[in-house]
Each structure stands twice: as structure tokens, then as C-alpha cells.
Amino acid sequence: MPGINGDMDDPGESRRRTLSMTTVASPAIEAGAVTVVPVCRTVVLRLGPAVFFWARPKEIRVVRGGPAERVPIIDMTRSVQAALFAIAAVCGGFLAFRAWGKEKTS
């Protein structure tokens, strides 16, 4: 079906890299005249025999007889992770600043 899998990355190329990010489409699901394709973004980190893999939802492509319509998926887990990282960085910086200030005064 044209327009559904047109911008997928080359999966063979990602096997040769230590760190790779690819867009992967699941098999199409058809219900009557509507075709739905779930799409996710994957990150693969290869360190010798160890492989770390993380996939997150990206979008759903819906085809109703015309060009594919993209419906983005908002990944709340990723947003929460980013917020927690920012809070930890601010708190760590504050604690390091306080410890540095105490060492200078003593």
C-alpha cells in the first residue's frame, strides 16, 4: 500500500552500528475499508554481546482509500522521564553548590 511504509529506515544498516535509531511499522491491520499501521521508534545500543533495546510509540497511520493520515501518539512515560531527569539535575546541582559553599567557609 503506497504511503504507509515509505519513510522507514534501512534495518540492515542499523545492525552495523553501535547505536542506532530506527522507525519500525507493525503489520497493517485492516477493518473494512480502513487500514491502520502502528509505528514505533526504536533505539538499539550494542556493546559487544550485550544489546540494549528501547521502543516507544510514535504514531498510527490510518488509510481510508486516500493518502495515509498520521495520528501522533503522545508518550507520557517519556515526558515524565524528562521531567524527573530535570528535577534530579536541579536538585543535584543545588546540593553540589551547597556542599561547595560549606567547604569554602570552613
PDB file of N, CA and C in Angstrom:
ATOM      1  N   MET A   1       0.843  -1.176   0.000  1.00  0.00           N
ATOM      2  CA  MET A   1       0.000   0.000   0.000  1.00  0.00           C
ATOM      3  C   MET A   1       0.888   1.238   0.000  1.00  0.00           C
ATOM      4  N   PRO A   2       0.810   2.105  -0.991  1.00  0.00           N
ATOM      5  CA  PRO A   2       1.703   3.271  -1.033  1.00  0.00           C
ATOM      6  C   PRO A   2       1.383   4.259   0.066  1.00  0.00           C
ATOM      7  N   GLY A   3       2.442   4.878   0.590  1.00  0.00           N
ATOM      8  CA  GLY A   3       2.266   5.925   1.592  1.00  0.00           C
ATOM      9  C   GLY A   3       2.308   5.438   3.016  1.00  0.00           C
ATOM     10  N   ILE A   4       2.289   4.123   3.244  1.00  0.00           N
ATOM     11  CA  ILE A   4       2.293   3.638   4.618  1.00  0.00           C
ATOM     12  C   ILE A   4       3.715   3.431   5.112  1.00  0.00           C
ATOM     13  N   ASN A   5       4.522   2.674   4.393  1.00  0.00           N
ATOM     14  CA  ASN A   5       5.872   2.340   4.839  1.00  0.00           C
ATOM     15  C   ASN A   5       6.945   3.083   4.061  1.00  0.00           C
ATOM     16  N   GLY A   6       6.610   4.200   3.479  1.00  0.00           N
ATOM     17  CA  GLY A   6       7.534   4.892   2.589  1.00  0.00           C
ATOM     18  C   GLY A   6       8.771   5.461   3.228  1.00  0.00           C
ATOM     19  N   ASP A   7       8.731   5.862   4.508  1.00  0.00           N
ATOM     20  CA  ASP A   7       9.885   6.541   5.099  1.00  0.00           C
ATOM     21  C   ASP A   7      10.586   5.689   6.165  1.00  0.00           C
ATOM     22  N   MET A   8      10.475   4.378   6.073  1.00  0.00           N
ATOM     23  CA  MET A   8      11.140   3.518   7.041  1.00  0.00           C
ATOM     24  C   MET A   8      12.645   3.514   6.782  1.00  0.00           C
ATOM     25  N   ASP A   9      13.415   3.424   7.846  1.00  0.00           N
ATOM     26  CA  ASP A   9      14.865   3.352   7.727  1.00  0.00           C
ATOM     27  C   ASP A   9      15.274   1.965   7.266  1.00  0.00           C
ATOM     28  N   ASP A  10      16.492   1.841   6.765  1.00  0.00           N
ATOM     29  CA  ASP A  10      17.019   0.564   6.314  1.00  0.00           C
ATOM     30  C   ASP A  10      17.403  -0.278   7.528  1.00  0.00           C
ATOM     31  N   PRO A  11      16.695  -1.396   7.809  1.00  0.00           N
ATOM     32  CA  PRO A  11      17.010  -2.175   9.004  1.00  0.00           C
ATOM     33  C   PRO A  11      18.365  -2.853   8.924  1.00  0.00           C
ATOM     34  N   GLY A  12      18.860  -3.183   7.737  1.00  0.00           N
ATOM     35  CA  GLY A  12      20.166  -3.814   7.600  1.00  0.00           C
ATOM     36  C   GLY A  12      21.294  -2.886   8.010  1.00  0.00           C
ATOM     37  N   GLU A  13      21.139  -1.606   7.740  1.00  0.00           N
ATOM     38  CA  GLU A  13      22.172  -0.636   8.107  1.00  0.00           C
ATOM     39  C   GLU A  13      22.280  -0.482   9.615  1.00  0.00           C
ATOM     40  N   SER A  14      21.161  -0.604  10.341  1.00  0.00           N
ATOM     41  CA  SER A  14      21.196  -0.411  11.791  1.00  0.00           C
ATOM     42  C   SER A  14      21.934  -1.541  12.498  1.00  0.00           C
ATOM     43  N   ARG A  15      22.073  -2.707  11.902  1.00  0.00           N
ATOM     44  CA  ARG A  15      22.783  -3.821  12.536  1.00  0.00           C
ATOM     45  C   ARG A  15      24.280  -3.573  12.603  1.00  0.00           C
ATOM     46  N   ARG A  16      24.802  -2.718  11.771  1.00  0.00           N
ATOM     47  CA  ARG A  16      26.242  -2.484  11.726  1.00  0.00           C
ATOM     48  C   ARG A  16      26.694  -1.391  12.686  1.00  0.00           C
ATOM     49  N   ARG A  17      25.789  -0.642  13.271  1.00  0.00           N
ATOM     50  CA  ARG A  17      26.162   0.470  14.137  1.00  0.00           C
ATOM     51  C   ARG A  17      26.070   0.091  15.606  1.00  0.00           C
ATOM     52  N   THR A  18      26.854   0.762  16.440  1.00  0.00           N
ATOM     53  CA  THR A  18      26.791   0.538  17.879  1.00  0.00           C
ATOM     54  C   THR A  18      25.514   1.136  18.451  1.00  0.00           C
ATOM     55  N   LEU A  19      25.165   2.334  18.019  1.00  0.00           N
ATOM     56  CA  LEU A  19      23.939   2.994  18.454  1.00  0.00           C
ATOM     57  C   LEU A  19      23.111   3.285  17.223  1.00  0.00           C
ATOM     58  N   SER A  20      21.878   2.826  17.204  1.00  0.00           N
ATOM     59  CA  SER A  20      21.032   3.077  16.037  1.00  0.00           C
ATOM     60  C   SER A  20      19.622   3.429  16.480  1.00  0.00           C
ATOM     61  N   MET A  21      19.010   4.319  15.720  1.00  0.00           N
ATOM     62  CA  MET A  21      17.617   4.705  15.921  1.00  0.00           C
ATOM     63  C   MET A  21      16.887   4.426  14.624  1.00  0.00           C
ATOM     64  N   THR A  22      15.801   3.676  14.701  1.00  0.00           N
ATOM     65  CA  THR A  22      15.034   3.352  13.505  1.00  0.00           C
ATOM     66  C   THR A  22      13.554   3.535  13.771  1.00  0.00           C
ATOM     67  N   THR A  23      12.807   3.705  12.702  1.00  0.00           N
ATOM     68  CA  THR A  23      11.358   3.767  12.761  1.00  0.00           C
ATOM     69  C   THR A  23      10.846   2.443  12.212  1.00  0.00           C
ATOM     70  N   VAL A  24       9.986   1.787  12.993  1.00  0.00           N
ATOM     71  CA  VAL A  24       9.507   0.459  12.621  1.00  0.00           C
ATOM     72  C   VAL A  24       7.987   0.472  12.574  1.00  0.00           C
ATOM     73  N   ALA A  25       7.434  -0.046  11.470  1.00  0.00           N
ATOM     74  CA  ALA A  25       5.985  -0.166  11.339  1.00  0.00           C
ATOM     75  C   ALA A  25       5.577  -1.606  11.578  1.00  0.00           C
ATOM     76  N   SER A  26       4.542  -1.801  12.372  1.00  0.00           N
ATOM     77  CA  SER A  26       3.997  -3.136  12.607  1.00  0.00           C
ATOM     78  C   SER A  26       3.181  -3.556  11.399  1.00  0.00           C
ATOM     79  N   PRO A  27       2.814  -4.816  11.323  1.00  0.00           N
ATOM     80  CA  PRO A  27       1.956  -5.242  10.213  1.00  0.00           C
ATOM     81  C   PRO A  27       0.637  -4.471  10.200  1.00  0.00           C
ATOM     82  N   ALA A  28       0.145  -4.211   8.997  1.00  0.00           N
ATOM     83  CA  ALA A  28      -1.092  -3.451   8.843  1.00  0.00           C
ATOM     84  C   ALA A  28      -2.281  -4.252   9.359  1.00  0.00           C
ATOM     85  N   ILE A  29      -3.225  -3.543   9.971  1.00  0.00           N
ATOM     86  CA  ILE A  29      -4.472  -4.130  10.456  1.00  0.00           C
ATOM     87  C   ILE A  29      -5.588  -3.543   9.612  1.00  0.00           C
ATOM     88  N   GLU A  30      -6.362  -4.412   8.967  1.00  0.00           N
ATOM     89  CA  GLU A  30      -7.445  -3.939   8.096  1.00  0.00           C
ATOM     90  C   GLU A  30      -8.789  -4.246   8.722  1.00  0.00           C
ATOM     91  N   ALA A  31      -9.675  -3.254   8.694  1.00  0.00           N
ATOM     92  CA  ALA A  31     -11.050  -3.406   9.168  1.00  0.00           C
ATOM     93  C   ALA A  31     -11.956  -2.740   8.151  1.00  0.00           C
ATOM     94  N   GLY A  32     -12.504  -3.526   7.269  1.00  0.00           N
ATOM     95  CA  GLY A  32     -13.336  -2.980   6.212  1.00  0.00           C
ATOM     96  C   GLY A  32     -12.490  -2.186   5.234  1.00  0.00           C
ATOM     97  N   ALA A  33     -12.835  -0.905   5.047  1.00  0.00           N
ATOM     98  CA  ALA A  33     -12.103  -0.045   4.115  1.00  0.00           C
ATOM     99  C   ALA A  33     -11.006   0.765   4.803  1.00  0.00           C
ATOM    100  N   VAL A  34     -10.780   0.505   6.075  1.00  0.00           N
ATOM    101  CA  VAL A  34      -9.784   1.264   6.840  1.00  0.00           C
ATOM    102  C   VAL A  34      -8.590   0.359   7.147  1.00  0.00           C
ATOM    103  N   THR A  35      -7.387   0.893   6.915  1.00  0.00           N
ATOM    104  CA  THR A  35      -6.154   0.188   7.253  1.00  0.00           C
ATOM    105  C   THR A  35      -5.403   1.013   8.292  1.00  0.00           C
ATOM    106  N   VAL A  36      -4.983   0.352   9.372  1.00  0.00           N
ATOM    107  CA  VAL A  36      -4.277   1.017  10.464  1.00  0.00           C
ATOM    108  C   VAL A  36      -2.905   0.368  10.617  1.00  0.00           C
ATOM    109  N   VAL A  37      -1.857   1.209  10.699  1.00  0.00           N
ATOM    110  CA  VAL A  37      -0.491   0.723  10.870  1.00  0.00           C
ATOM    111  C   VAL A  37       0.128   1.410  12.089  1.00  0.00           C
ATOM    112  N   PRO A  38       0.381   0.656  13.191  1.00  0.00           N
ATOM    113  CA  PRO A  38       1.091   1.236  14.331  1.00  0.00           C
ATOM    114  C   PRO A  38       2.572   1.420  14.000  1.00  0.00           C
ATOM    115  N   VAL A  39       3.154   2.543  14.415  1.00  0.00           N
ATOM    116  CA  VAL A  39       4.560   2.849  14.129  1.00  0.00           C
ATOM    117  C   VAL A  39       5.253   3.175  15.457  1.00  0.00           C
ATOM    118  N   CYS A  40       6.466   2.634  15.628  1.00  0.00           N
ATOM    119  CA  CYS A  40       7.228   2.953  16.838  1.00  0.00           C
ATOM    120  C   CYS A  40       8.645   3.366  16.460  1.00  0.00           C
ATOM    121  N   ARG A  41       9.286   4.058  17.368  1.00  0.00           N
ATOM    122  CA  ARG A  41      10.670   4.491  17.209  1.00  0.00           C
ATOM    123  C   ARG A  41      11.514   3.629  18.137  1.00  0.00           C
ATOM    124  N   THR A  42      12.572   3.041  17.618  1.00  0.00           N
ATOM    125  CA  THR A  42      13.410   2.164  18.431  1.00  0.00           C
ATOM    126  C   THR A  42      14.820   2.715  18.545  1.00  0.00           C
ATOM    127  N   VAL A  43      15.432   2.463  19.695  1.00  0.00           N
ATOM    128  CA  VAL A  43      16.831   2.799  19.924  1.00  0.00           C
ATOM    129  C   VAL A  43      17.512   1.507  20.349  1.00  0.00           C
ATOM    130  N   VAL A  44      18.595   1.154  19.655  1.00  0.00           N
ATOM    131  CA  VAL A  44      19.335  -0.064  19.954  1.00  0.00           C
ATOM    132  C   VAL A  44      20.781   0.325  20.237  1.00  0.00           C
ATOM    133  N   LEU A  45      21.297  -0.116  21.385  1.00  0.00           N
ATOM    134  CA  LEU A  45      22.679   0.118  21.773  1.00  0.00           C
ATOM    135  C   LEU A  45      23.358  -1.239  21.878  1.00  0.00           C
ATOM    136  N   ARG A  46      24.383  -1.468  21.039  1.00  0.00           N
ATOM    137  CA  ARG A  46      25.107  -2.736  21.023  1.00  0.00           C
ATOM    138  C   ARG A  46      26.484  -2.529  21.644  1.00  0.00           C
ATOM    139  N   LEU A  47      26.746  -3.261  22.727  1.00  0.00           N
ATOM    140  CA  LEU A  47      28.033  -3.204  23.419  1.00  0.00           C
ATOM    141  C   LEU A  47      28.562  -4.633  23.520  1.00  0.00           C
ATOM    142  N   GLY A  48      29.265  -5.061  22.491  1.00  0.00           N
ATOM    143  CA  GLY A  48      29.764  -6.432  22.457  1.00  0.00           C
ATOM    144  C   GLY A  48      28.607  -7.409  22.421  1.00  0.00           C
ATOM    145  N   PRO A  49      28.570  -8.372  23.356  1.00  0.00           N
ATOM    146  CA  PRO A  49      27.472  -9.341  23.350  1.00  0.00           C
ATOM    147  C   PRO A  49      26.172  -8.782  23.937  1.00  0.00           C
ATOM    148  N   ALA A  50      26.244  -7.651  24.621  1.00  0.00           N
ATOM    149  CA  ALA A  50      25.050  -7.061  25.231  1.00  0.00           C
ATOM    150  C   ALA A  50      24.335  -6.148  24.242  1.00  0.00           C
ATOM    151  N   VAL A  51      23.023  -6.229  24.232  1.00  0.00           N
ATOM    152  CA  VAL A  51      22.202  -5.371  23.382  1.00  0.00           C
ATOM    153  C   VAL A  51      21.105  -4.758  24.249  1.00  0.00           C
ATOM    154  N   PHE A  52      21.040  -3.424  24.262  1.00  0.00           N
ATOM    155  CA  PHE A  52      20.003  -2.701  24.983  1.00  0.00           C
ATOM    156  C   PHE A  52      19.032  -2.148  23.948  1.00  0.00           C
ATOM    157  N   PHE A  53      17.736  -2.387  24.155  1.00  0.00           N
ATOM    158  CA  PHE A  53      16.712  -2.037  23.178  1.00  0.00           C
ATOM    159  C   PHE A  53      15.614  -1.256  23.880  1.00  0.00           C
ATOM    160  N   TRP A  54      15.185  -0.150  23.262  1.00  0.00           N
ATOM    161  CA  TRP A  54      14.086   0.633  23.806  1.00  0.00           C
ATOM    162  C   TRP A  54      13.190   1.053  22.651  1.00  0.00           C
ATOM    163  N   ALA A  55      11.906   0.781  22.779  1.00  0.00           N
ATOM    164  CA  ALA A  55      10.940   1.165  21.754  1.00  0.00           C
ATOM    165  C   ALA A  55       9.878   2.043  22.399  1.00  0.00           C
ATOM    166  N   ARG A  56       9.472   3.064  21.659  1.00  0.00           N
ATOM    167  CA  ARG A  56       8.400   3.930  22.149  1.00  0.00           C
ATOM    168  C   ARG A  56       7.410   4.164  21.019  1.00  0.00           C
ATOM    169  N   PRO A  57       6.144   4.301  21.326  1.00  0.00           N
ATOM    170  CA  PRO A  57       5.159   4.545  20.275  1.00  0.00           C
ATOM    171  C   PRO A  57       5.369   5.907  19.642  1.00  0.00           C
ATOM    172  N   LYS A  58       5.168   5.982  18.345  1.00  0.00           N
ATOM    173  CA  LYS A  58       5.369   7.239  17.635  1.00  0.00           C
ATOM    174  C   LYS A  58       4.070   7.756  17.027  1.00  0.00           C
ATOM    175  N   GLU A  59       3.412   6.927  16.251  1.00  0.00           N
ATOM    176  CA  GLU A  59       2.199   7.365  15.570  1.00  0.00           C
ATOM    177  C   GLU A  59       1.407   6.161  15.103  1.00  0.00           C
ATOM    178  N   ILE A  60       0.197   6.442  14.659  1.00  0.00           N
ATOM    179  CA  ILE A  60      -0.632   5.450  13.992  1.00  0.00           C
ATOM    180  C   ILE A  60      -0.971   6.032  12.630  1.00  0.00           C
ATOM    181  N   ARG A  61      -0.761   5.241  11.587  1.00  0.00           N
ATOM    182  CA  ARG A  61      -1.097   5.679  10.233  1.00  0.00           C
ATOM    183  C   ARG A  61      -2.424   5.057   9.841  1.00  0.00           C
ATOM    184  N   VAL A  62      -3.355   5.898   9.420  1.00  0.00           N
ATOM    185  CA  VAL A  62      -4.698   5.457   9.057  1.00  0.00           C
ATOM    186  C   VAL A  62      -4.902   5.759   7.577  1.00  0.00           C
ATOM    187  N   VAL A  63      -5.299   4.724   6.828  1.00  0.00           N
ATOM    188  CA  VAL A  63      -5.555   4.881   5.391  1.00  0.00           C
ATOM    189  C   VAL A  63      -7.017   4.574   5.145  1.00  0.00           C
ATOM    190  N   ARG A  64      -7.733   5.529   4.550  1.00  0.00           N
ATOM    191  CA  ARG A  64      -9.154   5.366   4.225  1.00  0.00           C
ATOM    192  C   ARG A  64      -9.358   5.602   2.740  1.00  0.00           C
ATOM    193  N   GLY A  65      -8.676   4.862   1.900  1.00  0.00           N
ATOM    194  CA  GLY A  65      -8.860   4.984   0.457  1.00  0.00           C
ATOM    195  C   GLY A  65      -8.061   6.108  -0.178  1.00  0.00           C
ATOM    196  N   GLY A  66      -7.412   6.940   0.564  1.00  0.00           N
ATOM    197  CA  GLY A  66      -6.606   8.040   0.037  1.00  0.00           C
ATOM    198  C   GLY A  66      -5.217   7.993   0.629  1.00  0.00           C
ATOM    199  N   PRO A  67      -4.563   9.142   0.735  1.00  0.00           N
ATOM    200  CA  PRO A  67      -3.230   9.160   1.354  1.00  0.00           C
ATOM    201  C   PRO A  67      -3.314   8.837   2.848  1.00  0.00           C
ATOM    202  N   ALA A  68      -2.215   8.354   3.378  1.00  0.00           N
ATOM    203  CA  ALA A  68      -2.163   7.971   4.797  1.00  0.00           C
ATOM    204  C   ALA A  68      -2.271   9.196   5.691  1.00  0.00           C
ATOM    205  N   GLU A  69      -3.085   9.082   6.727  1.00  0.00           N
ATOM    206  CA  GLU A  69      -3.231  10.149   7.725  1.00  0.00           C
ATOM    207  C   GLU A  69      -2.440   9.723   8.956  1.00  0.00           C
ATOM    208  N   ARG A  70      -1.610  10.609   9.470  1.00  0.00           N
ATOM    209  CA  ARG A  70      -0.787  10.292  10.633  1.00  0.00           C
ATOM    210  C   ARG A  70      -1.428  10.851  11.895  1.00  0.00           C
ATOM    211  N   VAL A  71      -1.605   9.963  12.877  1.00  0.00           N
ATOM    212  CA  VAL A  71      -2.157  10.355  14.167  1.00  0.00           C
ATOM    213  C   VAL A  71      -1.035  10.176  15.189  1.00  0.00           C
ATOM    214  N   PRO A  72      -0.439  11.270  15.675  1.00  0.00           N
ATOM    215  CA  PRO A  72       0.686  11.142  16.615  1.00  0.00           C
ATOM    216  C   PRO A  72       0.234  10.591  17.958  1.00  0.00           C
ATOM    217  N   ILE A  73       1.146   9.854  18.601  1.00  0.00           N
ATOM    218  CA  ILE A  73       0.903   9.320  19.939  1.00  0.00           C
ATOM    219  C   ILE A  73       1.796  10.093  20.903  1.00  0.00           C
ATOM    220  N   ILE A  74       1.197  10.675  21.916  1.00  0.00           N
ATOM    221  CA  ILE A  74       1.966  11.410  22.919  1.00  0.00           C
ATOM    222  C   ILE A  74       2.371  10.415  24.001  1.00  0.00           C
ATOM    223  N   ASP A  75       3.660  10.207  24.143  1.00  0.00           N
ATOM    224  CA  ASP A  75       4.200   9.225  25.077  1.00  0.00           C
ATOM    225  C   ASP A  75       4.401   9.896  26.436  1.00  0.00           C
ATOM    226  N   MET A  76       3.443   9.696  27.347  1.00  0.00           N
ATOM    227  CA  MET A  76       3.521  10.334  28.663  1.00  0.00           C
ATOM    228  C   MET A  76       4.692   9.802  29.487  1.00  0.00           C
ATOM    229  N   THR A  77       5.061   8.540  29.279  1.00  0.00           N
ATOM    230  CA  THR A  77       6.190   7.980  30.026  1.00  0.00           C
ATOM    231  C   THR A  77       7.459   8.757  29.715  1.00  0.00           C
ATOM    232  N   ARG A  78       7.664   9.087  28.451  1.00  0.00           N
ATOM    233  CA  ARG A  78       8.862   9.844  28.058  1.00  0.00           C
ATOM    234  C   ARG A  78       8.829  11.252  28.663  1.00  0.00           C
ATOM    235  N   SER A  79       7.670  11.867  28.687  1.00  0.00           N
ATOM    236  CA  SER A  79       7.546  13.208  29.265  1.00  0.00           C
ATOM    237  C   SER A  79       7.849  13.185  30.759  1.00  0.00           C
ATOM    238  N   VAL A  80       7.344  12.170  31.456  1.00  0.00           N
ATOM    239  CA  VAL A  80       7.599  12.049  32.891  1.00  0.00           C
ATOM    240  C   VAL A  80       9.082  11.787  33.144  1.00  0.00           C
ATOM    241  N   GLN A  81       9.703  10.942  32.324  1.00  0.00           N
ATOM    242  CA  GLN A  81      11.140  10.683  32.471  1.00  0.00           C
ATOM    243  C   GLN A  81      11.954  11.964  32.290  1.00  0.00           C
ATOM    244  N   ALA A  82      11.605  12.770  31.306  1.00  0.00           N
ATOM    245  CA  ALA A  82      12.319  14.026  31.076  1.00  0.00           C
ATOM    246  C   ALA A  82      12.143  14.970  32.261  1.00  0.00           C
ATOM    247  N   ALA A  83      10.929  15.038  32.805  1.00  0.00           N
ATOM    248  CA  ALA A  83      10.682  15.907  33.956  1.00  0.00           C
ATOM    249  C   ALA A  83      11.466  15.439  35.180  1.00  0.00           C
ATOM    250  N   LEU A  84      11.491  14.122  35.427  1.00  0.00           N
ATOM    251  CA  LEU A  84      12.246  13.593  36.565  1.00  0.00           C
ATOM    252  C   LEU A  84      13.742  13.837  36.408  1.00  0.00           C
ATOM    253  N   PHE A  85      14.252  13.698  35.186  1.00  0.00           N
ATOM    254  CA  PHE A  85      15.667  13.975  34.929  1.00  0.00           C
ATOM    255  C   PHE A  85      15.983  15.442  35.212  1.00  0.00           C
ATOM    256  N   ALA A  86      15.116  16.345  34.776  1.00  0.00           N
ATOM    257  CA  ALA A  86      15.336  17.777  35.007  1.00  0.00           C
ATOM    258  C   ALA A  86      15.302  18.098  36.506  1.00  0.00           C
ATOM    259  N   ILE A  87      14.350  17.509  37.228  1.00  0.00           N
ATOM    260  CA  ILE A  87      14.270  17.750  38.674  1.00  0.00           C
ATOM    261  C   ILE A  87      15.513  17.214  39.374  1.00  0.00           C
ATOM    262  N   ALA A  88      15.957  16.021  38.992  1.00  0.00           N
ATOM    263  CA  ALA A  88      17.159  15.430  39.602  1.00  0.00           C
ATOM    264  C   ALA A  88      18.391  16.288  39.307  1.00  0.00           C
ATOM    265  N   ALA A  89      18.489  16.827  38.104  1.00  0.00           N
ATOM    266  CA  ALA A  89      19.635  17.666  37.749  1.00  0.00           C
ATOM    267  C   ALA A  89      19.640  18.956  38.579  1.00  0.00           C
ATOM    268  N   VAL A  90      18.478  19.570  38.746  1.00  0.00           N
ATOM    269  CA  VAL A  90      18.388  20.802  39.535  1.00  0.00           C
ATOM    270  C   VAL A  90      18.718  20.517  41.001  1.00  0.00           C
ATOM    271  N   CYS A  91      18.139  19.448  41.558  1.00  0.00           N
ATOM    272  CA  CYS A  91      18.418  19.097  42.963  1.00  0.00           C
ATOM    273  C   CYS A  91      19.886  18.735  43.164  1.00  0.00           C
ATOM    274  N   GLY A  92      20.462  17.975  42.235  1.00  0.00           N
ATOM    275  CA  GLY A  92      21.881  17.618  42.328  1.00  0.00           C
ATOM    276  C   GLY A  92      22.770  18.840  42.248  1.00  0.00           C
ATOM    277  N   GLY A  93      22.440  19.753  41.353  1.00  0.00           N
ATOM    278  CA  GLY A  93      23.210  20.993  41.244  1.00  0.00           C
ATOM    279  C   GLY A  93      23.108  21.832  42.502  1.00  0.00           C
ATOM    280  N   PHE A  94      21.913  21.894  43.086  1.00  0.00           N
ATOM    281  CA  PHE A  94      21.721  22.651  44.317  1.00  0.00           C
ATOM    282  C   PHE A  94      22.532  22.053  45.462  1.00  0.00           C
ATOM    283  N   LEU A  95      22.477  20.722  45.601  1.00  0.00           N
ATOM    284  CA  LEU A  95      23.227  20.062  46.673  1.00  0.00           C
ATOM    285  C   LEU A  95      24.734  20.208  46.475  1.00  0.00           C
ATOM    286  N   ALA A  96      25.198  20.117  45.259  1.00  0.00           N
ATOM    287  CA  ALA A  96      26.629  20.285  44.981  1.00  0.00           C
ATOM    288  C   ALA A  96      27.061  21.716  45.295  1.00  0.00           C
ATOM    289  N   PHE A  97      26.222  22.695  44.956  1.00  0.00           N
ATOM    290  CA  PHE A  97      26.531  24.097  45.245  1.00  0.00           C
ATOM    291  C   PHE A  97      26.608  24.330  46.754  1.00  0.00           C
ATOM    292  N   ARG A  98      25.665  23.731  47.506  1.00  0.00           N
ATOM    293  CA  ARG A  98      25.683  23.883  48.975  1.00  0.00           C
ATOM    294  C   ARG A  98      26.926  23.242  49.568  1.00  0.00           C
ATOM    295  N   ALA A  99      27.286  22.048  49.088  1.00  0.00           N
ATOM    296  CA  ALA A  99      28.477  21.364  49.614  1.00  0.00           C
ATOM    297  C   ALA A  99      29.735  22.149  49.277  1.00  0.00           C
ATOM    298  N   TRP A 100      29.801  22.717  48.086  1.00  0.00           N
ATOM    299  CA  TRP A 100      30.953  23.509  47.680  1.00  0.00           C
ATOM    300  C   TRP A 100      31.055  24.773  48.529  1.00  0.00           C
ATOM    301  N   GLY A 101      29.917  25.371  48.860  1.00  0.00           N
ATOM    302  CA  GLY A 101      29.908  26.583  49.686  1.00  0.00           C
ATOM    303  C   GLY A 101      30.348  26.307  51.110  1.00  0.00           C
ATOM    304  N   LYS A 102      29.977  25.153  51.659  1.00  0.00           N
ATOM    305  CA  LYS A 102      30.381  24.806  53.013  1.00  0.00           C
ATOM    306  C   LYS A 102      31.885  24.533  53.093  1.00  0.00           C
ATOM    307  N   GLU A 103      32.445  23.944  52.045  1.00  0.00           N
ATOM    308  CA  GLU A 103      33.894  23.671  52.049  1.00  0.00           C
ATOM    309  C   GLU A 103      34.708  24.968  52.001  1.00  0.00           C
ATOM    310  N   LYS A 104      34.204  25.973  51.289  1.00  0.00           N
ATOM    311  CA  LYS A 104      34.942  27.243  51.178  1.00  0.00           C
ATOM    312  C   LYS A 104      34.929  28.013  52.492  1.00  0.00           C
ATOM    313  N   THR A 105      33.830  27.915  53.270  1.00  0.00           N
ATOM    314  CA  THR A 105      33.742  28.687  54.509  1.00  0.00           C
ATOM    315  C   THR A 105      34.472  28.032  55.677  1.00  0.00           C
ATOM    316  N   SER A 106      34.731  26.742  55.617  1.00  0.00           N
ATOM    317  CA  SER A 106      35.390  26.084  56.758  1.00  0.00           C
ATOM    318  C   SER A 106      36.896  26.032  56.623  1.00  0.00           C
TER     319      SER A 106
END
